[in-house]
């Protein structure tokens, strides 16, 4: 299996053949195919910039780099340290807005 920070491991071809897609996978496929996923990602980017979250994460990265020494920090280090803080600090209003948009999309789309 191949793994990535941004997505779950990709199953091998043998594992994928007989397996029916999960509800999460079906929803993701529908979001991608309709172009709604990209719209949601853009909305998320806009809201995170508006509320100052992005600047806060930049400041955390800079502080970490200063603390460890600029030449001693890798992108993987930053991701490992900052990701939990970043996820925890996304404002509830942004989460609620995205959840509502996803629900509306699902209500207007047949999952068959």
C-alpha atoms as a PDB file:
ATOM      1  CA  UNK A   1       0.000   0.000   0.000  1.00  0.00           C
ATOM      2  CA  UNK A   2       1.110   3.558  -0.734  1.00  0.00           C
ATOM      3  CA  UNK A   3       0.446   6.231   1.833  1.00  0.00           C
ATOM      4  CA  UNK A   4       0.379  10.005   1.847  1.00  0.00           C
ATOM      5  CA  UNK A   5      -0.064  12.676   4.479  1.00  0.00           C
ATOM      6  CA  UNK A   6      -3.096  14.087   2.666  1.00  0.00           C
ATOM      7  CA  UNK A   7      -4.953  10.890   1.885  1.00  0.00           C
ATOM      8  CA  UNK A   8      -5.364   7.360   3.204  1.00  0.00           C
ATOM      9  CA  UNK A   9      -3.268   4.492   1.823  1.00  0.00           C
ATOM     10  CA  UNK A  10      -4.135   3.396  -1.703  1.00  0.00           C
ATOM     11  CA  UNK A  11      -5.148  -0.277  -1.742  1.00  0.00           C
ATOM     12  CA  UNK A  12      -3.366  -2.616  -4.106  1.00  0.00           C
ATOM     13  CA  UNK A  13      -5.223  -3.896  -7.194  1.00  0.00           C
ATOM     14  CA  UNK A  14      -5.955  -7.319  -5.618  1.00  0.00           C
ATOM     15  CA  UNK A  15      -7.544  -5.759  -2.556  1.00  0.00           C
ATOM     16  CA  UNK A  16      -9.588  -3.343  -4.641  1.00  0.00           C
ATOM     17  CA  UNK A  17     -11.137  -5.835  -7.095  1.00  0.00           C
ATOM     18  CA  UNK A  18     -13.730  -7.577  -4.951  1.00  0.00           C
ATOM     19  CA  UNK A  19     -14.354  -4.754  -2.520  1.00  0.00           C
ATOM     20  CA  UNK A  20     -17.390  -2.529  -2.878  1.00  0.00           C
ATOM     21  CA  UNK A  21     -16.627   1.156  -2.246  1.00  0.00           C
ATOM     22  CA  UNK A  22     -17.492   2.480   1.199  1.00  0.00           C
ATOM     23  CA  UNK A  23     -19.972   5.310   1.657  1.00  0.00           C
ATOM     24  CA  UNK A  24     -17.071   7.681   2.301  1.00  0.00           C
ATOM     25  CA  UNK A  25     -15.442   6.640  -0.980  1.00  0.00           C
ATOM     26  CA  UNK A  26     -18.695   7.032  -2.916  1.00  0.00           C
ATOM     27  CA  UNK A  27     -19.233  10.518  -1.463  1.00  0.00           C
ATOM     28  CA  UNK A  28     -15.664  11.504  -2.306  1.00  0.00           C
ATOM     29  CA  UNK A  29     -16.071  10.269  -5.884  1.00  0.00           C
ATOM     30  CA  UNK A  30     -19.303  12.261  -6.275  1.00  0.00           C
ATOM     31  CA  UNK A  31     -17.668  15.390  -4.844  1.00  0.00           C
ATOM     32  CA  UNK A  32     -14.711  15.088  -7.221  1.00  0.00           C
ATOM     33  CA  UNK A  33     -16.758  14.234 -10.308  1.00  0.00           C
ATOM     34  CA  UNK A  34     -19.136  17.152  -9.781  1.00  0.00           C
ATOM     35  CA  UNK A  35     -16.355  19.646  -9.114  1.00  0.00           C
ATOM     36  CA  UNK A  36     -17.880  20.380  -5.700  1.00  0.00           C
ATOM     37  CA  UNK A  37     -14.763  19.214  -3.852  1.00  0.00           C
ATOM     38  CA  UNK A  38     -12.662  21.923  -5.490  1.00  0.00           C
ATOM     39  CA  UNK A  39     -15.324  24.532  -4.666  1.00  0.00           C
ATOM     40  CA  UNK A  40     -15.341  23.398  -1.031  1.00  0.00           C
ATOM     41  CA  UNK A  41     -11.538  23.516  -0.881  1.00  0.00           C
ATOM     42  CA  UNK A  42     -11.562  27.074  -2.235  1.00  0.00           C
ATOM     43  CA  UNK A  43     -14.245  28.101   0.266  1.00  0.00           C
ATOM     44  CA  UNK A  44     -12.153  26.576   3.072  1.00  0.00           C
ATOM     45  CA  UNK A  45      -9.053  28.467   1.929  1.00  0.00           C
ATOM     46  CA  UNK A  46     -10.992  31.751   1.838  1.00  0.00           C
ATOM     47  CA  UNK A  47     -12.538  31.260   5.286  1.00  0.00           C
ATOM     48  CA  UNK A  48      -9.229  30.271   6.889  1.00  0.00           C
ATOM     49  CA  UNK A  49      -7.547  33.370   5.479  1.00  0.00           C
ATOM     50  CA  UNK A  50     -10.451  35.597   6.572  1.00  0.00           C
ATOM     51  CA  UNK A  51     -10.369  34.387  10.172  1.00  0.00           C
ATOM     52  CA  UNK A  52      -6.582  34.680  10.474  1.00  0.00           C
ATOM     53  CA  UNK A  53      -5.978  30.928  10.801  1.00  0.00           C
ATOM     54  CA  UNK A  54      -3.473  30.885   7.936  1.00  0.00           C
ATOM     55  CA  UNK A  55      -1.405  33.693   9.477  1.00  0.00           C
ATOM     56  CA  UNK A  56      -1.497  31.904  12.821  1.00  0.00           C
ATOM     57  CA  UNK A  57      -0.149  28.709  11.220  1.00  0.00           C
ATOM     58  CA  UNK A  58       2.583  30.677   9.431  1.00  0.00           C
ATOM     59  CA  UNK A  59       3.603  32.225  12.742  1.00  0.00           C
ATOM     60  CA  UNK A  60       3.726  28.786  14.395  1.00  0.00           C
ATOM     61  CA  UNK A  61       5.930  27.469  11.572  1.00  0.00           C
ATOM     62  CA  UNK A  62       8.273  30.435  11.827  1.00  0.00           C
ATOM     63  CA  UNK A  63       8.520  30.117  15.605  1.00  0.00           C
ATOM     64  CA  UNK A  64       9.279  26.402  15.321  1.00  0.00           C
ATOM     65  CA  UNK A  65      11.936  27.067  12.666  1.00  0.00           C
ATOM     66  CA  UNK A  66      13.563  29.742  14.862  1.00  0.00           C
ATOM     67  CA  UNK A  67      13.528  27.430  17.868  1.00  0.00           C
ATOM     68  CA  UNK A  68      15.089  24.459  16.048  1.00  0.00           C
ATOM     69  CA  UNK A  69      17.328  26.458  13.743  1.00  0.00           C
ATOM     70  CA  UNK A  70      16.384  27.190  10.172  1.00  0.00           C
ATOM     71  CA  UNK A  71      18.748  24.619   8.698  1.00  0.00           C
ATOM     72  CA  UNK A  72      17.587  21.873  11.060  1.00  0.00           C
ATOM     73  CA  UNK A  73      13.905  21.874  10.110  1.00  0.00           C
ATOM     74  CA  UNK A  74      12.341  19.836   7.324  1.00  0.00           C
ATOM     75  CA  UNK A  75       8.875  20.123   5.826  1.00  0.00           C
ATOM     76  CA  UNK A  76       8.048  16.747   7.393  1.00  0.00           C
ATOM     77  CA  UNK A  77       9.030  18.136  10.827  1.00  0.00           C
ATOM     78  CA  UNK A  78       6.718  21.106  10.336  1.00  0.00           C
ATOM     79  CA  UNK A  79       3.854  18.914   9.187  1.00  0.00           C
ATOM     80  CA  UNK A  80       4.292  16.565  12.155  1.00  0.00           C
ATOM     81  CA  UNK A  81       4.353  19.399  14.700  1.00  0.00           C
ATOM     82  CA  UNK A  82       1.874  21.866  13.189  1.00  0.00           C
ATOM     83  CA  UNK A  83      -0.868  19.574  11.791  1.00  0.00           C
ATOM     84  CA  UNK A  84      -2.453  18.644  15.153  1.00  0.00           C
ATOM     85  CA  UNK A  85      -2.443  22.293  16.257  1.00  0.00           C
ATOM     86  CA  UNK A  86      -3.824  23.412  12.906  1.00  0.00           C
ATOM     87  CA  UNK A  87      -6.681  20.929  12.884  1.00  0.00           C
ATOM     88  CA  UNK A  88      -7.610  21.750  16.460  1.00  0.00           C
ATOM     89  CA  UNK A  89      -7.641  25.488  15.812  1.00  0.00           C
ATOM     90  CA  UNK A  90      -9.956  25.594  12.783  1.00  0.00           C
ATOM     91  CA  UNK A  91     -12.896  27.747  13.953  1.00  0.00           C
ATOM     92  CA  UNK A  92     -16.158  25.903  14.616  1.00  0.00           C
ATOM     93  CA  UNK A  93     -17.996  28.359  12.364  1.00  0.00           C
ATOM     94  CA  UNK A  94     -15.822  27.308   9.403  1.00  0.00           C
ATOM     95  CA  UNK A  95     -16.371  23.620  10.150  1.00  0.00           C
ATOM     96  CA  UNK A  96     -20.120  24.170  10.464  1.00  0.00           C
ATOM     97  CA  UNK A  97     -20.315  26.064   7.168  1.00  0.00           C
ATOM     98  CA  UNK A  98     -18.438  23.345   5.301  1.00  0.00           C
ATOM     99  CA  UNK A  99     -20.518  20.608   6.895  1.00  0.00           C
ATOM    100  CA  UNK A 100     -23.700  22.410   5.862  1.00  0.00           C
ATOM    101  CA  UNK A 101     -22.441  22.755   2.277  1.00  0.00           C
ATOM    102  CA  UNK A 102     -21.578  19.038   2.168  1.00  0.00           C
ATOM    103  CA  UNK A 103     -25.003  18.113   3.554  1.00  0.00           C
ATOM    104  CA  UNK A 104     -26.714  20.315   0.973  1.00  0.00           C
ATOM    105  CA  UNK A 105     -24.665  18.707  -1.784  1.00  0.00           C
ATOM    106  CA  UNK A 106     -25.568  15.221  -0.572  1.00  0.00           C
ATOM    107  CA  UNK A 107     -29.257  16.100  -0.333  1.00  0.00           C
ATOM    108  CA  UNK A 108     -29.234  17.327  -3.925  1.00  0.00           C
ATOM    109  CA  UNK A 109     -27.253  14.364  -5.276  1.00  0.00           C
ATOM    110  CA  UNK A 110     -28.321  10.782  -5.668  1.00  0.00           C
ATOM    111  CA  UNK A 111     -25.699   8.397  -4.275  1.00  0.00           C
ATOM    112  CA  UNK A 112     -26.744   5.485  -6.467  1.00  0.00           C
END
